[in-house]
């Protein structure tokens, strides 16, 4: 069901984050992309990515999420 027909090479490495919602940013709406996303701020809405979603320790997210993988960011 999930990942059918997907080649592992299609998923960007987790280190290559293209989209960032910073810690002083709040966003309401839909984000769709084919790359990794990191959220450190506040997001309410929908997240759709074929990449990975990285969630910062202080992030606040109320969203429907479709992603290849989700993970918590390492503490810095």
PDB file of N, CA and C in Angstrom:
ATOM      1  N   UNK A   1       0.824  -1.184   0.000  1.00  0.00           N
ATOM      2  CA  UNK A   1       0.000   0.000   0.000  1.00  0.00           C
ATOM      3  C   UNK A   1       0.872   1.253   0.000  1.00  0.00           C
ATOM      4  N   UNK A   2       1.687   1.450   1.030  1.00  0.00           N
ATOM      5  CA  UNK A   2       2.538   2.622   1.090  1.00  0.00           C
ATOM      6  C   UNK A   2       3.844   2.327   0.386  1.00  0.00           C
ATOM      7  N   UNK A   3       4.318   3.266  -0.413  1.00  0.00           N
ATOM      8  CA  UNK A   3       5.611   3.132  -1.046  1.00  0.00           C
ATOM      9  C   UNK A   3       5.631   2.203  -2.243  1.00  0.00           C
ATOM     10  N   UNK A   4       4.480   1.734  -2.704  1.00  0.00           N
ATOM     11  CA  UNK A   4       4.459   0.865  -3.870  1.00  0.00           C
ATOM     12  C   UNK A   4       5.032   1.584  -5.067  1.00  0.00           C
ATOM     13  N   UNK A   5       5.933   0.920  -5.768  1.00  0.00           N
ATOM     14  CA  UNK A   5       6.509   1.508  -6.966  1.00  0.00           C
ATOM     15  C   UNK A   5       7.525   2.595  -6.677  1.00  0.00           C
ATOM     16  N   UNK A   6       7.854   2.809  -5.426  1.00  0.00           N
ATOM     17  CA  UNK A   6       8.815   3.863  -5.061  1.00  0.00           C
ATOM     18  C   UNK A   6      10.196   3.250  -4.917  1.00  0.00           C
ATOM     19  N   UNK A   7      11.156   3.878  -5.514  1.00  0.00           N
ATOM     20  CA  UNK A   7      12.545   3.460  -5.386  1.00  0.00           C
ATOM     21  C   UNK A   7      13.131   4.212  -4.197  1.00  0.00           C
ATOM     22  N   UNK A   8      13.898   3.551  -3.357  1.00  0.00           N
ATOM     23  CA  UNK A   8      14.479   4.217  -2.189  1.00  0.00           C
ATOM     24  C   UNK A   8      15.325   5.413  -2.583  1.00  0.00           C
ATOM     25  N   UNK A   9      15.890   5.418  -3.778  1.00  0.00           N
ATOM     26  CA  UNK A   9      16.718   6.534  -4.234  1.00  0.00           C
ATOM     27  C   UNK A   9      15.896   7.800  -4.433  1.00  0.00           C
ATOM     28  N   UNK A  10      14.569   7.675  -4.536  1.00  0.00           N
ATOM     29  CA  UNK A  10      13.706   8.838  -4.739  1.00  0.00           C
ATOM     30  C   UNK A  10      13.543   9.673  -3.474  1.00  0.00           C
ATOM     31  N   UNK A  11      13.808   9.093  -2.318  1.00  0.00           N
ATOM     32  CA  UNK A  11      13.642   9.807  -1.054  1.00  0.00           C
ATOM     33  C   UNK A  11      14.930  10.542  -0.735  1.00  0.00           C
ATOM     34  N   UNK A  12      14.860  11.877  -0.580  1.00  0.00           N
ATOM     35  CA  UNK A  12      16.073  12.636  -0.290  1.00  0.00           C
ATOM     36  C   UNK A  12      16.670  12.229   1.048  1.00  0.00           C
ATOM     37  N   UNK A  13      18.003  12.243   1.163  1.00  0.00           N
ATOM     38  CA  UNK A  13      18.624  11.954   2.466  1.00  0.00           C
ATOM     39  C   UNK A  13      18.134  12.946   3.511  1.00  0.00           C
ATOM     40  N   UNK A  14      18.008  12.502   4.756  1.00  0.00           N
ATOM     41  CA  UNK A  14      17.442  13.343   5.813  1.00  0.00           C
ATOM     42  C   UNK A  14      18.242  14.619   6.031  1.00  0.00           C
ATOM     43  N   UNK A  15      19.545  14.611   5.760  1.00  0.00           N
ATOM     44  CA  UNK A  15      20.366  15.798   5.989  1.00  0.00           C
ATOM     45  C   UNK A  15      20.025  16.934   5.015  1.00  0.00           C
ATOM     46  N   UNK A  16      19.502  16.611   3.853  1.00  0.00           N
ATOM     47  CA  UNK A  16      19.207  17.624   2.838  1.00  0.00           C
ATOM     48  C   UNK A  16      17.798  18.162   3.026  1.00  0.00           C
ATOM     49  N   UNK A  17      17.661  19.171   3.854  1.00  0.00           N
ATOM     50  CA  UNK A  17      16.363  19.778   4.122  1.00  0.00           C
ATOM     51  C   UNK A  17      16.204  20.981   3.206  1.00  0.00           C
ATOM     52  N   UNK A  18      15.143  20.971   2.416  1.00  0.00           N
ATOM     53  CA  UNK A  18      14.888  22.063   1.481  1.00  0.00           C
ATOM     54  C   UNK A  18      13.932  23.102   2.067  1.00  0.00           C
ATOM     55  N   UNK A  19      12.975  22.660   2.869  1.00  0.00           N
ATOM     56  CA  UNK A  19      11.948  23.555   3.397  1.00  0.00           C
ATOM     57  C   UNK A  19      12.041  23.602   4.915  1.00  0.00           C
ATOM     58  N   UNK A  20      12.108  24.818   5.470  1.00  0.00           N
ATOM     59  CA  UNK A  20      12.207  24.990   6.920  1.00  0.00           C
ATOM     60  C   UNK A  20      11.176  26.011   7.386  1.00  0.00           C
ATOM     61  N   UNK A  21      10.420  25.650   8.406  1.00  0.00           N
ATOM     62  CA  UNK A  21       9.557  26.596   9.120  1.00  0.00           C
ATOM     63  C   UNK A  21      10.304  26.879  10.416  1.00  0.00           C
ATOM     64  N   UNK A  22      10.884  28.061  10.516  1.00  0.00           N
ATOM     65  CA  UNK A  22      11.755  28.409  11.634  1.00  0.00           C
ATOM     66  C   UNK A  22      11.022  28.589  12.946  1.00  0.00           C
ATOM     67  N   UNK A  23      11.776  28.698  14.046  1.00  0.00           N
ATOM     68  CA  UNK A  23      11.192  28.749  15.375  1.00  0.00           C
ATOM     69  C   UNK A  23      10.353  29.999  15.657  1.00  0.00           C
ATOM     70  N   UNK A  24      10.555  31.067  14.919  1.00  0.00           N
ATOM     71  CA  UNK A  24       9.760  32.283  15.142  1.00  0.00           C
ATOM     72  C   UNK A  24       8.659  32.436  14.093  1.00  0.00           C
ATOM     73  N   UNK A  25       8.377  31.357  13.357  1.00  0.00           N
ATOM     74  CA  UNK A  25       7.395  31.398  12.278  1.00  0.00           C
ATOM     75  C   UNK A  25       6.168  30.579  12.631  1.00  0.00           C
ATOM     76  N   UNK A  26       4.985  31.119  12.315  1.00  0.00           N
ATOM     77  CA  UNK A  26       3.757  30.325  12.405  1.00  0.00           C
ATOM     78  C   UNK A  26       3.134  30.313  11.013  1.00  0.00           C
ATOM     79  N   UNK A  27       2.567  29.163  10.654  1.00  0.00           N
ATOM     80  CA  UNK A  27       2.034  28.969   9.305  1.00  0.00           C
ATOM     81  C   UNK A  27       0.721  28.228   9.404  1.00  0.00           C
ATOM     82  N   UNK A  28      -0.272  28.673   8.640  1.00  0.00           N
ATOM     83  CA  UNK A  28      -1.549  27.985   8.549  1.00  0.00           C
ATOM     84  C   UNK A  28      -1.833  27.756   7.080  1.00  0.00           C
ATOM     85  N   UNK A  29      -2.005  26.491   6.684  1.00  0.00           N
ATOM     86  CA  UNK A  29      -2.271  26.185   5.291  1.00  0.00           C
ATOM     87  C   UNK A  29      -1.768  24.806   4.918  1.00  0.00           C
ATOM     88  N   UNK A  30      -1.457  24.641   3.621  1.00  0.00           N
ATOM     89  CA  UNK A  30      -1.013  23.361   3.079  1.00  0.00           C
ATOM     90  C   UNK A  30       0.388  23.490   2.512  1.00  0.00           C
ATOM     91  N   UNK A  31       1.257  22.561   2.893  1.00  0.00           N
ATOM     92  CA  UNK A  31       2.594  22.475   2.311  1.00  0.00           C
ATOM     93  C   UNK A  31       2.664  21.168   1.539  1.00  0.00           C
ATOM     94  N   UNK A  32       3.003  21.256   0.258  1.00  0.00           N
ATOM     95  CA  UNK A  32       3.210  20.067  -0.579  1.00  0.00           C
ATOM     96  C   UNK A  32       4.568  20.190  -1.233  1.00  0.00           C
ATOM     97  N   UNK A  33       5.389  19.156  -1.121  1.00  0.00           N
ATOM     98  CA  UNK A  33       6.691  19.178  -1.779  1.00  0.00           C
ATOM     99  C   UNK A  33       7.225  17.761  -1.950  1.00  0.00           C
ATOM    100  N   UNK A  34       8.322  17.653  -2.680  1.00  0.00           N
ATOM    101  CA  UNK A  34       8.963  16.359  -2.917  1.00  0.00           C
ATOM    102  C   UNK A  34      10.297  16.264  -2.204  1.00  0.00           C
ATOM    103  N   UNK A  35      10.489  17.096  -1.194  1.00  0.00           N
ATOM    104  CA  UNK A  35      11.761  17.113  -0.479  1.00  0.00           C
ATOM    105  C   UNK A  35      11.505  17.024   1.027  1.00  0.00           C
ATOM    106  N   UNK A  36      12.584  17.019   1.780  1.00  0.00           N
ATOM    107  CA  UNK A  36      12.485  16.965   3.235  1.00  0.00           C
ATOM    108  C   UNK A  36      12.038  18.312   3.788  1.00  0.00           C
ATOM    109  N   UNK A  37      11.294  18.249   4.883  1.00  0.00           N
ATOM    110  CA  UNK A  37      10.771  19.445   5.551  1.00  0.00           C
ATOM    111  C   UNK A  37      11.182  19.378   7.015  1.00  0.00           C
ATOM    112  N   UNK A  38      11.614  20.512   7.552  1.00  0.00           N
ATOM    113  CA  UNK A  38      11.890  20.608   8.994  1.00  0.00           C
ATOM    114  C   UNK A  38      10.992  21.700   9.560  1.00  0.00           C
ATOM    115  N   UNK A  39      10.331  21.387  10.673  1.00  0.00           N
ATOM    116  CA  UNK A  39       9.460  22.363  11.324  1.00  0.00           C
ATOM    117  C   UNK A  39       9.945  22.587  12.739  1.00  0.00           C
ATOM    118  N   UNK A  40      10.279  23.851  13.017  1.00  0.00           N
ATOM    119  CA  UNK A  40      10.688  24.260  14.363  1.00  0.00           C
ATOM    120  C   UNK A  40       9.690  25.247  14.962  1.00  0.00           C
ATOM    121  N   UNK A  41       8.791  25.748  14.143  1.00  0.00           N
ATOM    122  CA  UNK A  41       7.819  26.737  14.589  1.00  0.00           C
ATOM    123  C   UNK A  41       6.445  26.122  14.794  1.00  0.00           C
ATOM    124  N   UNK A  42       5.413  26.888  14.433  1.00  0.00           N
ATOM    125  CA  UNK A  42       4.025  26.475  14.623  1.00  0.00           C
ATOM    126  C   UNK A  42       3.396  26.268  13.251  1.00  0.00           C
ATOM    127  N   UNK A  43       2.755  25.120  13.055  1.00  0.00           N
ATOM    128  CA  UNK A  43       2.104  24.833  11.784  1.00  0.00           C
ATOM    129  C   UNK A  43       0.741  24.215  12.036  1.00  0.00           C
ATOM    130  N   UNK A  44      -0.266  24.747  11.356  1.00  0.00           N
ATOM    131  CA  UNK A  44      -1.625  24.212  11.428  1.00  0.00           C
ATOM    132  C   UNK A  44      -2.123  24.019  10.003  1.00  0.00           C
ATOM    133  N   UNK A  45      -2.503  22.796   9.647  1.00  0.00           N
ATOM    134  CA  UNK A  45      -3.013  22.557   8.307  1.00  0.00           C
ATOM    135  C   UNK A  45      -2.708  21.171   7.791  1.00  0.00           C
ATOM    136  N   UNK A  46      -2.060  21.113   6.611  1.00  0.00           N
ATOM    137  CA  UNK A  46      -1.766  19.855   5.938  1.00  0.00           C
ATOM    138  C   UNK A  46      -0.310  19.865   5.486  1.00  0.00           C
ATOM    139  N   UNK A  47       0.371  18.741   5.700  1.00  0.00           N
ATOM    140  CA  UNK A  47       1.743  18.557   5.219  1.00  0.00           C
ATOM    141  C   UNK A  47       1.750  17.318   4.352  1.00  0.00           C
ATOM    142  N   UNK A  48       2.176  17.463   3.091  1.00  0.00           N
ATOM    143  CA  UNK A  48       2.299  16.327   2.181  1.00  0.00           C
ATOM    144  C   UNK A  48       3.673  16.377   1.537  1.00  0.00           C
ATOM    145  N   UNK A  49       4.486  15.332   1.769  1.00  0.00           N
ATOM    146  CA  UNK A  49       5.808  15.273   1.168  1.00  0.00           C
ATOM    147  C   UNK A  49       6.187  13.831   0.881  1.00  0.00           C
ATOM    148  N   UNK A  50       6.913  13.630  -0.207  1.00  0.00           N
ATOM    149  CA  UNK A  50       7.443  12.289  -0.480  1.00  0.00           C
ATOM    150  C   UNK A  50       8.778  12.110   0.240  1.00  0.00           C
ATOM    151  N   UNK A  51       9.259  13.173   0.873  1.00  0.00           N
ATOM    152  CA  UNK A  51      10.482  13.124   1.665  1.00  0.00           C
ATOM    153  C   UNK A  51      10.166  12.877   3.121  1.00  0.00           C
ATOM    154  N   UNK A  52      11.071  13.299   3.987  1.00  0.00           N
ATOM    155  CA  UNK A  52      10.936  13.108   5.427  1.00  0.00           C
ATOM    156  C   UNK A  52      10.474  14.400   6.096  1.00  0.00           C
ATOM    157  N   UNK A  53       9.732  14.259   7.163  1.00  0.00           N
ATOM    158  CA  UNK A  53       9.326  15.388   7.992  1.00  0.00           C
ATOM    159  C   UNK A  53      10.116  15.306   9.285  1.00  0.00           C
ATOM    160  N   UNK A  54      10.863  16.372   9.584  1.00  0.00           N
ATOM    161  CA  UNK A  54      11.664  16.442  10.800  1.00  0.00           C
ATOM    162  C   UNK A  54      11.008  17.476  11.710  1.00  0.00           C
ATOM    163  N   UNK A  55      10.685  17.074  12.922  1.00  0.00           N
ATOM    164  CA  UNK A  55       9.956  17.940  13.846  1.00  0.00           C
ATOM    165  C   UNK A  55      10.891  18.368  14.965  1.00  0.00           C
ATOM    166  N   UNK A  56      11.087  19.682  15.085  1.00  0.00           N
ATOM    167  CA  UNK A  56      11.939  20.239  16.128  1.00  0.00           C
ATOM    168  C   UNK A  56      11.330  20.068  17.510  1.00  0.00           C
ATOM    169  N   UNK A  57      12.178  20.125  18.530  1.00  0.00           N
ATOM    170  CA  UNK A  57      11.746  19.903  19.913  1.00  0.00           C
ATOM    171  C   UNK A  57      10.699  20.907  20.389  1.00  0.00           C
ATOM    172  N   UNK A  58      10.751  22.136  19.901  1.00  0.00           N
ATOM    173  CA  UNK A  58       9.824  23.174  20.342  1.00  0.00           C
ATOM    174  C   UNK A  58       8.665  23.388  19.358  1.00  0.00           C
ATOM    175  N   UNK A  59       8.606  22.610  18.289  1.00  0.00           N
ATOM    176  CA  UNK A  59       7.559  22.773  17.273  1.00  0.00           C
ATOM    177  C   UNK A  59       6.188  22.440  17.846  1.00  0.00           C
ATOM    178  N   UNK A  60       5.187  23.113  17.298  1.00  0.00           N
ATOM    179  CA  UNK A  60       3.791  22.836  17.642  1.00  0.00           C
ATOM    180  C   UNK A  60       3.063  22.610  16.324  1.00  0.00           C
ATOM    181  N   UNK A  61       2.548  21.391  16.145  1.00  0.00           N
ATOM    182  CA  UNK A  61       1.939  21.018  14.871  1.00  0.00           C
ATOM    183  C   UNK A  61       0.558  20.440  15.112  1.00  0.00           C
ATOM    184  N   UNK A  62      -0.413  20.991  14.394  1.00  0.00           N
ATOM    185  CA  UNK A  62      -1.766  20.454  14.360  1.00  0.00           C
ATOM    186  C   UNK A  62      -2.079  20.285  12.885  1.00  0.00           C
ATOM    187  N   UNK A  63      -1.824  19.087  12.352  1.00  0.00           N
ATOM    188  CA  UNK A  63      -1.915  18.907  10.904  1.00  0.00           C
ATOM    189  C   UNK A  63      -2.187  17.463  10.533  1.00  0.00           C
ATOM    190  N   UNK A  64      -2.762  17.287   9.351  1.00  0.00           N
ATOM    191  CA  UNK A  64      -2.819  15.984   8.702  1.00  0.00           C
ATOM    192  C   UNK A  64      -1.487  15.837   7.990  1.00  0.00           C
ATOM    193  N   UNK A  65      -0.810  14.707   8.195  1.00  0.00           N
ATOM    194  CA  UNK A  65       0.541  14.532   7.664  1.00  0.00           C
ATOM    195  C   UNK A  65       0.616  13.294   6.778  1.00  0.00           C
ATOM    196  N   UNK A  66       1.185  13.487   5.578  1.00  0.00           N
ATOM    197  CA  UNK A  66       1.534  12.383   4.688  1.00  0.00           C
ATOM    198  C   UNK A  66       2.995  12.582   4.362  1.00  0.00           C
ATOM    199  N   UNK A  67       3.848  11.645   4.785  1.00  0.00           N
ATOM    200  CA  UNK A  67       5.283  11.770   4.572  1.00  0.00           C
ATOM    201  C   UNK A  67       5.903  10.384   4.452  1.00  0.00           C
ATOM    202  N   UNK A  68       7.061  10.316   3.830  1.00  0.00           N
ATOM    203  CA  UNK A  68       7.796   9.047   3.738  1.00  0.00           C
ATOM    204  C   UNK A  68       8.177   8.582   5.146  1.00  0.00           C
ATOM    205  N   UNK A  69       8.563   9.536   5.990  1.00  0.00           N
ATOM    206  CA  UNK A  69       9.019   9.229   7.341  1.00  0.00           C
ATOM    207  C   UNK A  69       8.873  10.489   8.178  1.00  0.00           C
ATOM    208  N   UNK A  70       8.642  10.334   9.463  1.00  0.00           N
ATOM    209  CA  UNK A  70       8.668  11.479  10.380  1.00  0.00           C
ATOM    210  C   UNK A  70       9.645  11.152  11.499  1.00  0.00           C
ATOM    211  N   UNK A  71      10.324  12.195  11.979  1.00  0.00           N
ATOM    212  CA  UNK A  71      11.255  11.979  13.087  1.00  0.00           C
ATOM    213  C   UNK A  71      11.410  13.250  13.892  1.00  0.00           C
ATOM    214  N   UNK A  72      11.805  13.080  15.148  1.00  0.00           N
ATOM    215  CA  UNK A  72      12.096  14.222  15.998  1.00  0.00           C
ATOM    216  C   UNK A  72      13.529  14.654  15.750  1.00  0.00           C
ATOM    217  N   UNK A  73      13.744  15.963  15.737  1.00  0.00           N
ATOM    218  CA  UNK A  73      15.079  16.509  15.530  1.00  0.00           C
ATOM    219  C   UNK A  73      15.937  16.218  16.747  1.00  0.00           C
ATOM    220  N   UNK A  74      17.225  16.019  16.511  1.00  0.00           N
ATOM    221  CA  UNK A  74      18.158  15.829  17.615  1.00  0.00           C
ATOM    222  C   UNK A  74      18.303  17.137  18.377  1.00  0.00           C
ATOM    223  N   UNK A  75      18.506  17.049  19.663  1.00  0.00           N
ATOM    224  CA  UNK A  75      18.745  18.243  20.473  1.00  0.00           C
ATOM    225  C   UNK A  75      20.084  18.857  20.069  1.00  0.00           C
ATOM    226  N   UNK A  76      20.115  20.178  20.016  1.00  0.00           N
ATOM    227  CA  UNK A  76      21.342  20.865  19.641  1.00  0.00           C
ATOM    228  C   UNK A  76      21.956  21.490  20.870  1.00  0.00           C
TER     229      UNK A  76
END
